[in-house]
PDB file of all heavy atoms in Angstrom:
ATOM      1  N   ASP A   1      -7.292   8.759  -6.435  1.00  0.00           N
ATOM      2  CA  ASP A   1      -7.760   8.996  -7.800  1.00  0.00           C
ATOM      3  C   ASP A   1      -6.718   8.596  -8.845  1.00  0.00           C
ATOM      4  O   ASP A   1      -7.074   8.178  -9.938  1.00  0.00           O
ATOM      5  CB  ASP A   1      -8.115  10.475  -7.950  1.00  0.00           C
ATOM      6  CG  ASP A   1      -9.039  10.742  -9.102  1.00  0.00           C
ATOM      7  OD1 ASP A   1      -9.697   9.788  -9.561  1.00  0.00           O
ATOM      8  OD2 ASP A   1      -9.128  11.898  -9.544  1.00  0.00           O
ATOM      9  N   ASP A   2      -5.455   8.701  -8.533  1.00  0.00           N
ATOM     10  CA  ASP A   2      -4.374   8.444  -9.482  1.00  0.00           C
ATOM     11  C   ASP A   2      -4.065   6.941  -9.553  1.00  0.00           C
ATOM     12  O   ASP A   2      -3.767   6.325  -8.528  1.00  0.00           O
ATOM     13  CB  ASP A   2      -3.130   9.222  -9.051  1.00  0.00           C
ATOM     14  CG  ASP A   2      -2.007   9.142 -10.052  1.00  0.00           C
ATOM     15  OD1 ASP A   2      -2.261   8.757 -11.209  1.00  0.00           O
ATOM     16  OD2 ASP A   2      -0.861   9.478  -9.678  1.00  0.00           O
ATOM     17  N   PRO A   3      -4.113   6.318 -10.751  1.00  0.00           N
ATOM     18  CA  PRO A   3      -3.849   4.883 -10.858  1.00  0.00           C
ATOM     19  C   PRO A   3      -2.421   4.485 -10.438  1.00  0.00           C
ATOM     20  O   PRO A   3      -2.218   3.396  -9.914  1.00  0.00           O
ATOM     21  CB  PRO A   3      -4.077   4.557 -12.331  1.00  0.00           C
ATOM     22  CG  PRO A   3      -4.755   5.731 -12.916  1.00  0.00           C
ATOM     23  CD  PRO A   3      -4.543   6.889 -12.021  1.00  0.00           C
ATOM     24  N   TRP A   4      -1.467   5.359 -10.653  1.00  0.00           N
ATOM     25  CA  TRP A   4      -0.098   5.045 -10.228  1.00  0.00           C
ATOM     26  C   TRP A   4       0.009   4.966  -8.711  1.00  0.00           C
ATOM     27  O   TRP A   4       0.691   4.089  -8.168  1.00  0.00           O
ATOM     28  CB  TRP A   4       0.889   6.085 -10.774  1.00  0.00           C
ATOM     29  CG  TRP A   4       1.187   5.874 -12.219  1.00  0.00           C
ATOM     30  CD1 TRP A   4       0.663   6.555 -13.270  1.00  0.00           C
ATOM     31  CD2 TRP A   4       2.041   4.872 -12.774  1.00  0.00           C
ATOM     32  NE1 TRP A   4       1.145   6.057 -14.448  1.00  0.00           N
ATOM     33  CE2 TRP A   4       2.005   5.022 -14.166  1.00  0.00           C
ATOM     34  CE3 TRP A   4       2.838   3.875 -12.228  1.00  0.00           C
ATOM     35  CZ2 TRP A   4       2.723   4.214 -15.018  1.00  0.00           C
ATOM     36  CZ3 TRP A   4       3.564   3.068 -13.079  1.00  0.00           C
ATOM     37  CH2 TRP A   4       3.500   3.237 -14.459  1.00  0.00           C
ATOM     38  N   LEU A   5      -0.641   5.865  -8.031  1.00  0.00           N
ATOM     39  CA  LEU A   5      -0.620   5.817  -6.571  1.00  0.00           C
ATOM     40  C   LEU A   5      -1.361   4.596  -6.038  1.00  0.00           C
ATOM     41  O   LEU A   5      -0.981   4.034  -5.010  1.00  0.00           O
ATOM     42  CB  LEU A   5      -1.206   7.107  -5.998  1.00  0.00           C
ATOM     43  CG  LEU A   5      -0.370   8.368  -6.206  1.00  0.00           C
ATOM     44  CD1 LEU A   5      -1.095   9.577  -5.661  1.00  0.00           C
ATOM     45  CD2 LEU A   5       0.996   8.224  -5.569  1.00  0.00           C
ATOM     46  N   VAL A   6      -2.410   4.188  -6.735  1.00  0.00           N
ATOM     47  CA  VAL A   6      -3.109   2.952  -6.346  1.00  0.00           C
ATOM     48  C   VAL A   6      -2.161   1.764  -6.487  1.00  0.00           C
ATOM     49  O   VAL A   6      -2.081   0.896  -5.598  1.00  0.00           O
ATOM     50  CB  VAL A   6      -4.387   2.747  -7.185  1.00  0.00           C
ATOM     51  CG1 VAL A   6      -4.983   1.379  -6.934  1.00  0.00           C
ATOM     52  CG2 VAL A   6      -5.408   3.831  -6.886  1.00  0.00           C
ATOM     53  N   ALA A   7      -1.413   1.709  -7.591  1.00  0.00           N
ATOM     54  CA  ALA A   7      -0.464   0.606  -7.809  1.00  0.00           C
ATOM     55  C   ALA A   7       0.620   0.608  -6.741  1.00  0.00           C
ATOM     56  O   ALA A   7       1.012  -0.460  -6.234  1.00  0.00           O
ATOM     57  CB  ALA A   7       0.151   0.720  -9.199  1.00  0.00           C
ATOM     58  N   ILE A   8       1.115   1.781  -6.367  1.00  0.00           N
ATOM     59  CA  ILE A   8       2.141   1.856  -5.320  1.00  0.00           C
ATOM     60  C   ILE A   8       1.567   1.396  -3.981  1.00  0.00           C
ATOM     61  O   ILE A   8       2.230   0.675  -3.232  1.00  0.00           O
ATOM     62  CB  ILE A   8       2.705   3.285  -5.242  1.00  0.00           C
ATOM     63  CG1 ILE A   8       3.534   3.582  -6.500  1.00  0.00           C
ATOM     64  CG2 ILE A   8       3.556   3.470  -3.997  1.00  0.00           C
ATOM     65  CD1 ILE A   8       3.947   5.025  -6.643  1.00  0.00           C
ATOM     66  N   ALA A   9       0.333   1.792  -3.682  1.00  0.00           N
ATOM     67  CA  ALA A   9      -0.299   1.369  -2.427  1.00  0.00           C
ATOM     68  C   ALA A   9      -0.481  -0.144  -2.390  1.00  0.00           C
ATOM     69  O   ALA A   9      -0.246  -0.788  -1.367  1.00  0.00           O
ATOM     70  CB  ALA A   9      -1.639   2.077  -2.251  1.00  0.00           C
ATOM     71  N   VAL A  10      -0.881  -0.731  -3.520  1.00  0.00           N
ATOM     72  CA  VAL A  10      -1.059  -2.183  -3.568  1.00  0.00           C
ATOM     73  C   VAL A  10       0.297  -2.878  -3.419  1.00  0.00           C
ATOM     74  O   VAL A  10       0.413  -3.882  -2.708  1.00  0.00           O
ATOM     75  CB  VAL A  10      -1.767  -2.603  -4.875  1.00  0.00           C
ATOM     76  CG1 VAL A  10      -1.757  -4.110  -5.046  1.00  0.00           C
ATOM     77  CG2 VAL A  10      -3.191  -2.091  -4.871  1.00  0.00           C
ATOM     78  N   ALA A  11       1.334  -2.350  -4.078  1.00  0.00           N
ATOM     79  CA  ALA A  11       2.672  -2.948  -3.928  1.00  0.00           C
ATOM     80  C   ALA A  11       3.128  -2.877  -2.476  1.00  0.00           C
ATOM     81  O   ALA A  11       3.718  -3.828  -1.954  1.00  0.00           O
ATOM     82  CB  ALA A  11       3.667  -2.235  -4.840  1.00  0.00           C
ATOM     83  N   LEU A  12       2.833  -1.770  -1.813  1.00  0.00           N
ATOM     84  CA  LEU A  12       3.169  -1.641  -0.400  1.00  0.00           C
ATOM     85  C   LEU A  12       2.375  -2.645   0.434  1.00  0.00           C
ATOM     86  O   LEU A  12       2.891  -3.201   1.403  1.00  0.00           O
ATOM     87  CB  LEU A  12       2.886  -0.221   0.086  1.00  0.00           C
ATOM     88  CG  LEU A  12       3.114   0.040   1.562  1.00  0.00           C
ATOM     89  CD1 LEU A  12       4.605  -0.023   1.873  1.00  0.00           C
ATOM     90  CD2 LEU A  12       2.546   1.384   1.957  1.00  0.00           C
ATOM     91  N   GLY A  13       1.131  -2.889   0.062  1.00  0.00           N
ATOM     92  CA  GLY A  13       0.304  -3.836   0.804  1.00  0.00           C
ATOM     93  C   GLY A  13       0.672  -5.288   0.569  1.00  0.00           C
ATOM     94  O   GLY A  13       0.357  -6.152   1.367  1.00  0.00           O
ATOM     95  N   VAL A  14       1.390  -5.582  -0.556  1.00  0.00           N
ATOM     96  CA  VAL A  14       1.721  -6.963  -0.889  1.00  0.00           C
ATOM     97  C   VAL A  14       3.115  -7.347  -0.409  1.00  0.00           C
ATOM     98  O   VAL A  14       3.309  -8.404   0.185  1.00  0.00           O
ATOM     99  CB  VAL A  14       1.609  -7.177  -2.419  1.00  0.00           C
ATOM    100  CG1 VAL A  14       2.162  -8.525  -2.826  1.00  0.00           C
ATOM    101  CG2 VAL A  14       0.168  -7.064  -2.853  1.00  0.00           C
ATOM    102  N   PHE A  15       4.090  -6.511  -0.672  1.00  0.00           N
ATOM    103  CA  PHE A  15       5.469  -6.957  -0.520  1.00  0.00           C
ATOM    104  C   PHE A  15       6.012  -6.998   0.898  1.00  0.00           C
ATOM    105  O   PHE A  15       6.712  -7.941   1.207  1.00  0.00           O
ATOM    106  CB  PHE A  15       6.388  -6.185  -1.466  1.00  0.00           C
ATOM    107  CG  PHE A  15       6.109  -6.572  -2.880  1.00  0.00           C
ATOM    108  CD1 PHE A  15       5.695  -5.635  -3.798  1.00  0.00           C
ATOM    109  CD2 PHE A  15       6.203  -7.883  -3.291  1.00  0.00           C
ATOM    110  CE1 PHE A  15       5.411  -5.994  -5.097  1.00  0.00           C
ATOM    111  CE2 PHE A  15       5.916  -8.252  -4.593  1.00  0.00           C
ATOM    112  CZ  PHE A  15       5.522  -7.298  -5.493  1.00  0.00           C
ATOM    113  N   PRO A  16       5.774  -6.112   1.792  1.00  0.00           N
ATOM    114  CA  PRO A  16       6.105  -6.500   3.168  1.00  0.00           C
ATOM    115  C   PRO A  16       4.880  -7.217   3.736  1.00  0.00           C
ATOM    116  O   PRO A  16       3.951  -6.571   4.210  1.00  0.00           O
ATOM    117  CB  PRO A  16       6.388  -5.191   3.896  1.00  0.00           C
ATOM    118  CG  PRO A  16       5.975  -4.102   2.989  1.00  0.00           C
ATOM    119  CD  PRO A  16       5.583  -4.694   1.678  1.00  0.00           C
ATOM    120  N   PRO A  17       4.829  -8.554   3.615  1.00  0.00           N
ATOM    121  CA  PRO A  17       3.609  -9.265   4.006  1.00  0.00           C
ATOM    122  C   PRO A  17       3.202  -8.949   5.446  1.00  0.00           C
ATOM    123  O   PRO A  17       4.043  -8.925   6.329  1.00  0.00           O
ATOM    124  CB  PRO A  17       3.952 -10.737   3.851  1.00  0.00           C
ATOM    125  CG  PRO A  17       5.285 -10.796   3.220  1.00  0.00           C
ATOM    126  CD  PRO A  17       5.891  -9.444   3.253  1.00  0.00           C
ATOM    127  N   PHE A  18       1.951  -8.706   5.631  1.00  0.00           N
ATOM    128  CA  PHE A  18       1.299  -8.439   6.904  1.00  0.00           C
ATOM    129  C   PHE A  18       1.689  -7.093   7.510  1.00  0.00           C
ATOM    130  O   PHE A  18       0.917  -6.524   8.248  1.00  0.00           O
ATOM    131  CB  PHE A  18       1.546  -9.562   7.919  1.00  0.00           C
ATOM    132  CG  PHE A  18       1.209 -10.914   7.378  1.00  0.00           C
ATOM    133  CD1 PHE A  18       2.198 -11.857   7.148  1.00  0.00           C
ATOM    134  CD2 PHE A  18      -0.094 -11.238   7.058  1.00  0.00           C
ATOM    135  CE1 PHE A  18       1.891 -13.092   6.634  1.00  0.00           C
ATOM    136  CE2 PHE A  18      -0.403 -12.476   6.529  1.00  0.00           C
ATOM    137  CZ  PHE A  18       0.588 -13.409   6.319  1.00  0.00           C
ATOM    138  N   ALA A  19       2.844  -6.553   7.213  1.00  0.00           N
ATOM    139  CA  ALA A  19       3.221  -5.222   7.707  1.00  0.00           C
ATOM    140  C   ALA A  19       2.777  -4.150   6.704  1.00  0.00           C
ATOM    141  O   ALA A  19       2.495  -3.017   7.090  1.00  0.00           O
ATOM    142  CB  ALA A  19       4.714  -5.144   7.934  1.00  0.00           C
ATOM    143  N   GLY A  20       2.723  -4.500   5.420  1.00  0.00           N
ATOM    144  CA  GLY A  20       2.343  -3.542   4.386  1.00  0.00           C
ATOM    145  C   GLY A  20       0.958  -2.949   4.585  1.00  0.00           C
ATOM    146  O   GLY A  20       0.798  -1.727   4.497  1.00  0.00           O
ATOM    147  N   PRO A  21      -0.082  -3.758   4.847  1.00  0.00           N
ATOM    148  CA  PRO A  21      -1.406  -3.175   5.087  1.00  0.00           C
ATOM    149  C   PRO A  21      -1.446  -2.251   6.303  1.00  0.00           C
ATOM    150  O   PRO A  21      -2.163  -1.255   6.301  1.00  0.00           O
ATOM    151  CB  PRO A  21      -2.311  -4.396   5.289  1.00  0.00           C
ATOM    152  CG  PRO A  21      -1.639  -5.470   4.525  1.00  0.00           C
ATOM    153  CD  PRO A  21      -0.165  -5.212   4.679  1.00  0.00           C
ATOM    154  N   VAL A  22      -0.659  -2.565   7.323  1.00  0.00           N
ATOM    155  CA  VAL A  22      -0.614  -1.690   8.499  1.00  0.00           C
ATOM    156  C   VAL A  22       0.027  -0.355   8.124  1.00  0.00           C
ATOM    157  O   VAL A  22      -0.460   0.715   8.509  1.00  0.00           O
ATOM    158  CB  VAL A  22       0.147  -2.369   9.658  1.00  0.00           C
ATOM    159  CG1 VAL A  22       0.325  -1.423  10.828  1.00  0.00           C
ATOM    160  CG2 VAL A  22      -0.573  -3.627  10.095  1.00  0.00           C
ATOM    161  N   ILE A  23       1.098  -0.397   7.342  1.00  0.00           N
ATOM    162  CA  ILE A  23       1.743   0.833   6.880  1.00  0.00           C
ATOM    163  C   ILE A  23       0.768   1.616   5.998  1.00  0.00           C
ATOM    164  O   ILE A  23       0.658   2.837   6.120  1.00  0.00           O
ATOM    165  CB  ILE A  23       3.053   0.512   6.128  1.00  0.00           C
ATOM    166  CG1 ILE A  23       4.063  -0.119   7.088  1.00  0.00           C
ATOM    167  CG2 ILE A  23       3.635   1.756   5.487  1.00  0.00           C
ATOM    168  CD1 ILE A  23       5.274  -0.701   6.400  1.00  0.00           C
ATOM    169  N   TYR A  24       0.058   0.915   5.115  1.00  0.00           N
ATOM    170  CA  TYR A  24      -0.944   1.578   4.267  1.00  0.00           C
ATOM    171  C   TYR A  24      -2.006   2.251   5.124  1.00  0.00           C
ATOM    172  O   TYR A  24      -2.429   3.373   4.837  1.00  0.00           O
ATOM    173  CB  TYR A  24      -1.580   0.577   3.304  1.00  0.00           C
ATOM    174  CG  TYR A  24      -2.784   1.131   2.591  1.00  0.00           C
ATOM    175  CD1 TYR A  24      -2.635   2.053   1.565  1.00  0.00           C
ATOM    176  CD2 TYR A  24      -4.069   0.771   2.967  1.00  0.00           C
ATOM    177  CE1 TYR A  24      -3.745   2.590   0.926  1.00  0.00           C
ATOM    178  CE2 TYR A  24      -5.172   1.297   2.335  1.00  0.00           C
ATOM    179  CZ  TYR A  24      -5.008   2.203   1.318  1.00  0.00           C
ATOM    180  OH  TYR A  24      -6.104   2.745   0.693  1.00  0.00           O
ATOM    181  N   LEU A  25      -2.461   1.578   6.191  1.00  0.00           N
ATOM    182  CA  LEU A  25      -3.466   2.165   7.076  1.00  0.00           C
ATOM    183  C   LEU A  25      -2.987   3.478   7.691  1.00  0.00           C
ATOM    184  O   LEU A  25      -3.778   4.396   7.898  1.00  0.00           O
ATOM    185  CB  LEU A  25      -3.807   1.193   8.205  1.00  0.00           C
ATOM    186  CG  LEU A  25      -4.852   0.144   7.919  1.00  0.00           C
ATOM    187  CD1 LEU A  25      -4.948  -0.828   9.069  1.00  0.00           C
ATOM    188  CD2 LEU A  25      -6.188   0.769   7.659  1.00  0.00           C
ATOM    189  N   LEU A  26      -1.709   3.570   7.973  1.00  0.00           N
ATOM    190  CA  LEU A  26      -1.182   4.782   8.597  1.00  0.00           C
ATOM    191  C   LEU A  26      -1.104   5.958   7.631  1.00  0.00           C
ATOM    192  O   LEU A  26      -1.203   7.104   8.044  1.00  0.00           O
ATOM    193  CB  LEU A  26       0.209   4.501   9.182  1.00  0.00           C
ATOM    194  CG  LEU A  26       0.247   3.503  10.337  1.00  0.00           C
ATOM    195  CD1 LEU A  26       1.684   3.214  10.727  1.00  0.00           C
ATOM    196  CD2 LEU A  26      -0.534   4.011  11.526  1.00  0.00           C
ATOM    197  N   PHE A  27      -0.912   5.673   6.334  1.00  0.00           N
ATOM    198  CA  PHE A  27      -0.670   6.742   5.381  1.00  0.00           C
ATOM    199  C   PHE A  27      -1.755   6.909   4.315  1.00  0.00           C
ATOM    200  O   PHE A  27      -1.591   7.718   3.409  1.00  0.00           O
ATOM    201  CB  PHE A  27       0.679   6.525   4.688  1.00  0.00           C
ATOM    202  CG  PHE A  27       1.833   6.639   5.633  1.00  0.00           C
ATOM    203  CD1 PHE A  27       2.500   5.518   6.075  1.00  0.00           C
ATOM    204  CD2 PHE A  27       2.231   7.880   6.101  1.00  0.00           C
ATOM    205  CE1 PHE A  27       3.550   5.624   6.964  1.00  0.00           C
ATOM    206  CE2 PHE A  27       3.280   7.996   6.983  1.00  0.00           C
ATOM    207  CZ  PHE A  27       3.948   6.862   7.418  1.00  0.00           C
ATOM    208  N   ARG A  28      -2.842   6.187   4.397  1.00  0.00           N
ATOM    209  CA  ARG A  28      -3.882   6.293   3.383  1.00  0.00           C
ATOM    210  C   ARG A  28      -4.635   7.607   3.542  1.00  0.00           C
ATOM    211  O   ARG A  28      -4.660   8.207   4.618  1.00  0.00           O
ATOM    212  CB  ARG A  28      -4.834   5.120   3.477  1.00  0.00           C
ATOM    213  CG  ARG A  28      -5.726   5.169   4.694  1.00  0.00           C
ATOM    214  CD  ARG A  28      -6.609   3.963   4.762  1.00  0.00           C
ATOM    215  NE  ARG A  28      -7.469   4.047   5.942  1.00  0.00           N
ATOM    216  CZ  ARG A  28      -8.464   3.259   6.162  1.00  0.00           C
ATOM    217  NH1 ARG A  28      -8.742   2.303   5.294  1.00  0.00           N
ATOM    218  NH2 ARG A  28      -9.195   3.390   7.230  1.00  0.00           N
TER     219      ARG A  28
END
């Protein structure tokens, strides 16, 4: 719900390429 947390999740999904989405999957 929080836009800041959405931005942090997207940054996590972008910057460690290919590993970021996997990390996001574990903590979403």
